[in-house]
Amino acid sequence: MKKMYIMILGSMISALMLSGCGKVVTESVDINYNQEYSLENEALSKYNDIVWTSDNDDIAVPSGNSIIGKSPGTAILTGSRKNKVIAEYTVNVKKITESIDVDFNQEYTIDNEALSDISWSSDNEEIAVISGNTVIGKGPGSAMLSGTINDNIVAEYTVNVNIVPITGIVLSTNATEIAVGDGFQLNYSLFPENASDYGITWRSADPSVADVNKDGYILAKNKGQTTISASNKEGIMATCSVTVKTAKPNLKKIYDDLHDSYYCSLSSDENSLTIDSNPLDIDDYSSVTAWGYIKDINEKLELSGLTDEMSHTRAMDGRQTRTYESLTVSWSYHPDQGINVVYSVQ
């Protein structure tokens, strides 16, 4: 009997000791960045004097009976009362992740208060860009938007940009001729009409003849032929054949270089230059100076052999005409009136 009493008493003392110490409440919780989580636990609800501390305030911090996620990672929150640990929470703070669909050239606003103070960047701005909290779809495909604060990535948004596929590209012309030094603007349209215009790449088959910039503007460099192409990422293409001709003569400059306008006249549109060796129609007169001008002009225009041909022209031959790429030269000769030469730019 005495032995049994001792055993019962021992059990009661052990129970009282266990009740006094209690068990440490342990729990693992997952929360997002900037999310507040309430520490609601029945075993802890009877206490109002628990002191909570975190082993890493950069990851998670206590606020009253709540936890706030500060950056991705894991922290241990410890609850103590009367210098005794009664609870331990393993807090796993996660990045905020989401996948969104955006139409090409359309805006999408990231409406999440938890992300109001972070900086965003895109891993592919040809597909999606972000300014402030506004996303704009720029091209087909997927891009990752990363939101950071204090150099920590706290949010990742996968942006899927939807497009209306391009099935055809039509250029404003399929062939053109340009003089050296001149430019030409190629334009394009897409098929179907509502196709997503997410970027056309321009290319010249021979940039030494004619080059093209990112906007389809062609600059003629040297005489020859090349092909300009416009294509998209999917390989849809249209081409334009470009023939580069000799540069148009600058008749205004030639006129200015002559210094003496007595034998020379320039049309108001500067596209026609006339040399007259007898401007006053004096009988049996032809100016040697005018002949020198004609010879100089022919040399500048690289009109090989034309001076000799002019010097052998007779009155009975009538007016003669020679046509070059962008220049027409006509002349006539009469012993009484001298020679009259007209250079015309086409």
Protein backbone atom coordinates (compact mmCIF):
# COMPACT_ATOMS: atom_id res chain seq x y z
CA MET A 1 0.00 0.00 0.00
CA LYS A 2 2.79 2.39 0.93
CA LYS A 3 4.63 1.53 -2.22
CA MET A 4 1.56 2.25 -4.36
CA TYR A 5 1.11 5.64 -2.62
CA ILE A 6 4.65 6.59 -3.40
CA MET A 7 4.18 5.63 -7.07
CA ILE A 8 1.00 7.68 -7.41
CA LEU A 9 2.61 10.67 -5.71
CA GLY A 10 5.61 10.45 -8.05
CA SER A 11 3.34 10.40 -11.07
CA MET A 12 1.46 13.48 -9.83
CA ILE A 13 4.72 15.37 -9.25
CA SER A 14 5.94 14.46 -12.76
CA ALA A 15 2.63 15.61 -14.23
CA LEU A 16 2.83 18.89 -12.35
CA MET A 17 6.39 19.44 -13.50
CA LEU A 18 5.40 18.75 -17.16
CA SER A 19 2.44 21.04 -16.84
CA GLY A 20 4.64 23.80 -15.41
CA CYS A 21 7.30 23.52 -18.11
CA GLY A 22 5.01 22.75 -21.00
CA LYS A 23 6.14 21.69 -24.51
CA VAL A 24 7.79 24.04 -27.03
CA VAL A 25 5.32 24.74 -29.81
CA THR A 26 7.01 24.26 -33.17
CA GLU A 27 5.62 25.09 -36.55
CA SER A 28 6.79 25.78 -40.11
CA VAL A 29 5.03 28.41 -42.19
CA ASP A 30 5.42 29.64 -45.77
CA ILE A 31 4.68 33.28 -46.52
CA ASN A 32 5.32 35.62 -49.43
CA TYR A 33 7.47 38.71 -49.46
CA ASN A 34 5.77 41.59 -47.61
CA GLN A 35 2.99 39.29 -46.41
CA GLU A 36 1.78 39.44 -42.83
CA TYR A 37 1.02 36.13 -41.11
CA SER A 38 -0.87 35.89 -37.81
CA LEU A 39 0.60 33.54 -35.19
CA GLU A 40 -2.67 31.91 -34.25
CA ASN A 41 -2.08 28.80 -32.17
CA GLU A 42 -4.47 27.41 -29.55
CA ALA A 43 -1.63 26.36 -27.27
CA LEU A 44 -0.33 29.95 -27.25
CA SER A 45 -3.62 31.79 -27.16
CA LYS A 46 -3.78 31.81 -23.36
CA TYR A 47 -0.62 33.90 -23.13
CA ASN A 48 -0.49 37.63 -23.72
CA ASP A 49 3.08 38.20 -22.65
CA ILE A 50 5.00 36.26 -25.29
CA VAL A 51 8.10 38.04 -26.56
CA TRP A 52 8.96 37.18 -30.15
CA THR A 53 12.41 37.51 -31.71
CA SER A 54 13.85 36.63 -35.12
CA ASP A 55 17.26 35.23 -35.83
CA ASN A 56 17.30 37.21 -39.10
CA ASP A 57 15.32 40.43 -39.27
CA ASP A 58 16.31 40.85 -42.93
CA ILE A 59 14.16 37.83 -43.79
CA ALA A 60 11.28 37.89 -41.29
CA VAL A 61 10.39 40.10 -38.37
CA PRO A 62 7.74 39.76 -35.66
CA SER A 63 5.11 42.44 -35.21
CA GLY A 64 2.96 41.76 -32.15
CA ASN A 65 1.54 38.31 -32.80
CA SER A 66 2.25 38.48 -36.53
CA ILE A 67 5.19 37.75 -38.84
CA ILE A 68 6.12 39.96 -41.80
CA GLY A 69 8.20 38.57 -44.67
CA LYS A 70 11.01 40.96 -45.57
CA SER A 71 13.01 39.06 -48.20
CA PRO A 72 13.20 35.51 -49.56
CA GLY A 73 14.91 33.03 -47.25
CA THR A 74 14.38 31.19 -43.97
CA ALA A 75 14.34 32.64 -40.46
CA ILE A 76 13.56 31.20 -37.01
CA LEU A 77 11.11 33.12 -34.83
CA THR A 78 11.35 32.32 -31.14
CA GLY A 79 8.57 32.99 -28.63
CA SER A 80 9.56 33.35 -24.97
CA ARG A 81 7.84 34.13 -21.69
CA LYS A 82 9.46 34.40 -18.28
CA ASN A 83 12.82 33.68 -19.91
CA LYS A 84 11.60 30.35 -21.22
CA VAL A 85 11.23 29.41 -24.87
CA ILE A 86 7.72 28.19 -25.50
CA ALA A 87 7.51 28.39 -29.32
CA GLU A 88 9.70 28.22 -32.40
CA TYR A 89 8.42 29.06 -35.89
CA THR A 90 10.43 28.23 -39.00
CA VAL A 91 9.43 30.95 -41.45
CA ASN A 92 10.06 30.39 -45.14
CA VAL A 93 9.68 33.65 -47.07
CA LYS A 94 8.96 33.07 -50.75
CA LYS A 95 9.25 35.29 -53.81
CA ILE A 96 5.95 36.51 -55.20
CA THR A 97 5.55 34.62 -58.46
CA GLU A 98 2.92 34.99 -61.14
CA SER A 99 2.36 34.28 -64.81
CA ILE A 100 0.49 36.83 -66.89
CA ASP A 101 -0.66 37.04 -70.52
CA VAL A 102 -0.28 40.34 -72.37
CA ASP A 103 -1.31 41.18 -75.93
CA PHE A 104 1.28 42.71 -78.23
CA ASN A 105 1.68 46.46 -77.70
CA GLN A 106 -0.83 46.38 -74.84
CA GLU A 107 -0.27 47.51 -71.25
CA TYR A 108 -0.75 45.48 -68.10
CA THR A 109 -0.57 47.00 -64.62
CA ILE A 110 0.90 44.94 -61.78
CA ASP A 111 -1.64 45.79 -59.10
CA ASN A 112 -0.12 44.38 -55.92
CA GLU A 113 0.37 46.65 -52.91
CA ALA A 114 3.11 44.38 -51.60
CA LEU A 115 5.21 45.29 -54.66
CA SER A 116 4.67 49.05 -54.67
CA ASP A 117 8.22 50.02 -53.67
CA ILE A 118 10.38 47.65 -55.70
CA SER A 119 12.47 48.07 -58.86
CA TRP A 120 11.64 46.01 -61.93
CA SER A 121 13.76 44.72 -64.80
CA SER A 122 13.12 42.49 -67.80
CA ASP A 123 15.43 39.72 -69.00
CA ASN A 124 14.33 40.36 -72.60
CA GLU A 125 13.11 43.82 -73.53
CA GLU A 126 12.43 42.72 -77.11
CA ILE A 127 9.55 40.71 -75.67
CA ALA A 128 8.38 42.72 -72.66
CA VAL A 129 9.38 45.98 -70.97
CA ILE A 130 8.28 47.46 -67.69
CA SER A 131 8.08 51.07 -66.55
CA GLY A 132 7.03 51.66 -62.98
CA ASN A 133 4.51 48.87 -62.52
CA THR A 134 3.26 48.89 -66.13
CA VAL A 135 4.19 46.03 -68.46
CA ILE A 136 4.12 46.45 -72.26
CA GLY A 137 4.23 43.52 -74.69
CA LYS A 138 6.87 44.18 -77.38
CA GLY A 139 7.27 40.89 -79.24
CA PRO A 140 6.23 37.24 -79.33
CA GLY A 141 7.46 34.89 -76.60
CA SER A 142 8.00 34.92 -72.86
CA ALA A 143 10.10 37.19 -70.66
CA MET A 144 10.87 37.18 -66.95
CA LEU A 145 10.30 40.35 -64.95
CA SER A 146 12.31 40.50 -61.73
CA GLY A 147 11.37 42.79 -58.87
CA THR A 148 14.18 43.70 -56.48
CA ILE A 149 14.61 45.60 -53.24
CA ASN A 150 17.96 46.03 -51.55
CA ASP A 151 19.52 43.83 -54.25
CA ASN A 152 17.18 40.94 -53.33
CA ILE A 153 14.79 39.49 -55.89
CA VAL A 154 11.41 39.44 -54.16
CA ALA A 155 9.10 38.92 -57.14
CA GLU A 156 9.21 37.15 -60.49
CA TYR A 157 6.53 37.59 -63.13
CA THR A 158 6.52 35.45 -66.25
CA VAL A 159 5.07 37.53 -69.09
CA ASN A 160 3.63 35.70 -72.10
CA VAL A 161 3.10 38.06 -75.04
CA ASN A 162 0.34 37.09 -77.47
CA ILE A 163 0.47 38.24 -81.11
CA VAL A 164 -1.44 38.06 -84.37
CA PRO A 165 1.10 36.29 -86.62
CA ILE A 166 2.45 37.98 -89.75
CA THR A 167 1.74 35.96 -92.89
CA GLY A 168 3.05 38.43 -95.45
CA ILE A 169 5.13 41.60 -95.92
CA VAL A 170 4.41 43.94 -98.83
CA LEU A 171 6.92 46.66 -99.76
CA SER A 172 6.02 50.02 -101.28
CA THR A 173 7.96 49.00 -104.41
CA ASN A 174 9.73 45.88 -105.64
CA ALA A 175 12.36 47.72 -107.69
CA THR A 176 13.87 51.19 -107.76
CA GLU A 177 16.72 53.19 -109.30
CA ILE A 178 18.73 55.62 -107.19
CA ALA A 179 21.62 57.90 -108.08
CA VAL A 180 24.87 57.72 -106.09
CA GLY A 181 24.54 59.88 -103.01
CA ASP A 182 20.75 59.92 -103.09
CA GLY A 183 18.38 58.19 -100.69
CA PHE A 184 15.08 56.39 -100.96
CA GLN A 185 12.51 55.49 -98.31
CA LEU A 186 11.10 51.97 -98.49
CA ASN A 187 7.83 51.45 -96.64
CA TYR A 188 6.01 48.24 -95.85
CA SER A 189 2.62 46.91 -94.87
CA LEU A 190 1.71 43.64 -93.19
CA PHE A 191 -0.76 40.93 -93.96
CA PRO A 192 -3.24 40.38 -92.40
CA GLU A 193 -4.06 44.00 -91.67
CA ASN A 194 -4.30 43.33 -87.92
CA ALA A 195 -0.96 41.50 -87.76
CA SER A 196 1.27 42.41 -84.83
CA ASP A 197 4.07 44.68 -86.05
CA TYR A 198 6.73 43.63 -83.54
CA GLY A 199 9.72 44.50 -85.65
CA ILE A 200 11.04 44.25 -89.20
CA THR A 201 14.73 43.69 -89.91
CA TRP A 202 16.17 45.47 -92.96
CA ARG A 203 19.23 44.15 -94.77
CA SER A 204 21.24 44.94 -97.89
CA ALA A 205 22.81 42.13 -99.87
CA ASP A 206 25.66 44.48 -100.81
CA PRO A 207 26.06 47.49 -98.48
CA SER A 208 28.94 48.80 -100.61
CA VAL A 209 26.41 49.54 -103.37
CA ALA A 210 23.48 50.63 -101.22
CA ASP A 211 22.90 50.35 -97.49
CA VAL A 212 19.65 50.46 -95.54
CA ASN A 213 18.99 51.60 -91.97
CA LYS A 214 16.62 50.18 -89.37
CA ASP A 215 13.75 52.30 -90.71
CA GLY A 216 14.03 51.16 -94.33
CA TYR A 217 15.85 54.25 -95.64
CA ILE A 218 18.22 53.34 -98.48
CA LEU A 219 21.41 55.29 -99.18
CA ALA A 220 23.04 54.77 -102.58
CA LYS A 221 26.84 54.56 -102.35
CA ASN A 222 28.31 53.20 -105.55
CA LYS A 223 27.13 52.28 -109.01
CA GLY A 224 25.80 48.74 -109.15
CA GLN A 225 22.90 46.53 -108.15
CA THR A 226 21.82 45.03 -104.83
CA THR A 227 18.76 43.64 -103.08
CA ILE A 228 17.15 45.11 -99.98
CA SER A 229 15.19 42.68 -97.82
CA ALA A 230 12.66 43.16 -95.03
CA SER A 231 12.00 40.18 -92.77
CA ASN A 232 10.67 39.22 -89.36
CA LYS A 233 11.86 36.67 -86.81
CA GLU A 234 9.72 33.93 -88.34
CA GLY A 235 11.40 34.31 -91.74
CA ILE A 236 8.59 36.09 -93.59
CA MET A 237 10.40 38.22 -96.18
CA ALA A 238 9.92 40.73 -98.98
CA THR A 239 12.62 42.12 -101.28
CA CYS A 240 13.31 45.16 -103.43
CA SER A 241 15.82 45.27 -106.29
CA VAL A 242 17.93 48.45 -106.15
CA THR A 243 19.94 49.76 -109.09
CA VAL A 244 22.38 52.52 -108.27
CA LYS A 245 23.21 54.85 -111.13
CA THR A 246 25.92 57.46 -111.53
CA ALA A 247 25.20 60.53 -109.46
CA LYS A 248 23.24 63.28 -111.12
CA PRO A 249 25.52 66.11 -112.27
CA ASN A 250 25.37 69.21 -110.12
CA LEU A 251 24.78 71.76 -112.87
CA LYS A 252 24.54 74.60 -110.36
CA LYS A 253 28.05 73.90 -109.10
CA ILE A 254 29.39 73.64 -112.65
CA TYR A 255 27.75 76.97 -113.51
CA ASP A 256 29.22 78.61 -110.41
CA ASP A 257 32.68 77.24 -111.19
CA LEU A 258 32.64 78.88 -114.65
CA HIS A 259 32.60 82.35 -113.04
CA ASP A 260 31.53 83.99 -116.31
CA SER A 261 27.80 83.80 -117.06
CA TYR A 262 28.10 85.72 -120.37
CA TYR A 263 28.20 82.51 -122.38
CA CYS A 264 26.36 80.38 -119.82
CA SER A 265 22.84 80.31 -118.48
CA LEU A 266 21.21 78.13 -115.82
CA SER A 267 17.52 77.36 -115.74
CA SER A 268 15.51 78.46 -112.71
CA ASP A 269 15.09 74.85 -111.55
CA GLU A 270 18.87 74.34 -111.95
CA ASN A 271 18.31 71.26 -114.10
CA SER A 272 19.46 72.73 -117.39
CA LEU A 273 22.75 74.47 -118.31
CA THR A 274 23.21 76.15 -121.69
CA ILE A 275 26.51 77.18 -123.30
CA ASP A 276 26.19 79.50 -126.29
CA SER A 277 29.36 80.52 -128.11
CA ASN A 278 27.55 83.39 -129.85
CA PRO A 279 24.91 84.75 -127.44
CA LEU A 280 24.55 88.02 -129.37
CA ASP A 281 24.12 86.29 -132.78
CA ILE A 282 27.08 88.11 -134.33
CA ASP A 283 27.71 86.87 -137.85
CA ASP A 284 30.66 84.56 -138.27
CA TYR A 285 31.51 84.60 -134.57
CA SER A 286 32.16 81.77 -132.12
CA SER A 287 33.84 82.38 -128.79
CA VAL A 288 36.98 80.41 -128.00
CA THR A 289 36.19 80.94 -124.31
CA ALA A 290 32.81 79.20 -124.73
CA TRP A 291 34.51 76.29 -126.48
CA GLY A 292 36.87 76.04 -123.51
CA TYR A 293 33.88 75.91 -121.16
CA ILE A 294 32.34 73.10 -123.19
CA LYS A 295 35.55 71.12 -123.10
CA ASP A 296 35.89 71.57 -119.32
CA ILE A 297 32.28 70.58 -118.66
CA ASN A 298 32.59 67.43 -120.77
CA GLU A 299 35.71 66.44 -118.86
CA LYS A 300 34.01 67.02 -115.49
CA LEU A 301 31.05 64.93 -116.60
CA GLU A 302 33.39 62.22 -117.91
CA LEU A 303 31.77 62.36 -121.35
CA SER A 304 34.60 60.73 -123.20
CA GLY A 305 34.88 61.67 -126.85
CA LEU A 306 31.93 64.07 -126.80
CA THR A 307 34.04 67.22 -127.32
CA ASP A 308 35.61 65.75 -130.44
CA GLU A 309 32.18 64.73 -131.74
CA MET A 310 30.85 68.24 -131.18
CA SER A 311 33.81 69.82 -132.95
CA HIS A 312 33.05 67.74 -136.05
CA THR A 313 29.36 68.55 -136.14
CA ARG A 314 28.19 70.34 -139.30
CA ALA A 315 25.24 72.66 -139.76
CA MET A 316 23.61 70.12 -142.05
CA ASP A 317 23.73 67.52 -139.26
CA GLY A 318 21.03 69.40 -137.38
CA ARG A 319 20.67 69.22 -133.61
CA GLN A 320 22.37 66.24 -132.03
CA THR A 321 21.37 64.49 -128.79
CA ARG A 322 23.17 62.05 -126.55
CA THR A 323 21.50 60.50 -123.51
CA TYR A 324 23.36 59.12 -120.51
CA GLU A 325 22.08 57.65 -117.22
CA SER A 326 20.79 60.87 -115.72
CA LEU A 327 21.94 63.42 -118.27
CA THR A 328 20.94 64.47 -121.75
CA VAL A 329 23.27 66.59 -123.90
CA SER A 330 22.04 68.27 -127.08
CA TRP A 331 23.89 70.65 -129.41
CA SER A 332 23.83 72.28 -132.79
CA TYR A 333 26.44 74.12 -134.86
CA HIS A 334 26.32 76.74 -137.59
CA PRO A 335 29.30 78.61 -138.99
CA ASP A 336 27.45 81.92 -138.66
CA GLN A 337 26.09 81.32 -135.13
CA GLY A 338 28.67 79.10 -133.48
CA ILE A 339 27.78 76.18 -131.20
CA ASN A 340 24.89 75.91 -128.74
CA VAL A 341 25.04 73.14 -126.11
CA VAL A 342 22.35 72.25 -123.55
CA TYR A 343 23.05 69.91 -120.61
CA SER A 344 19.85 68.65 -118.97
CA VAL A 345 19.51 66.58 -115.82
CA GLN A 346 16.71 64.03 -115.91
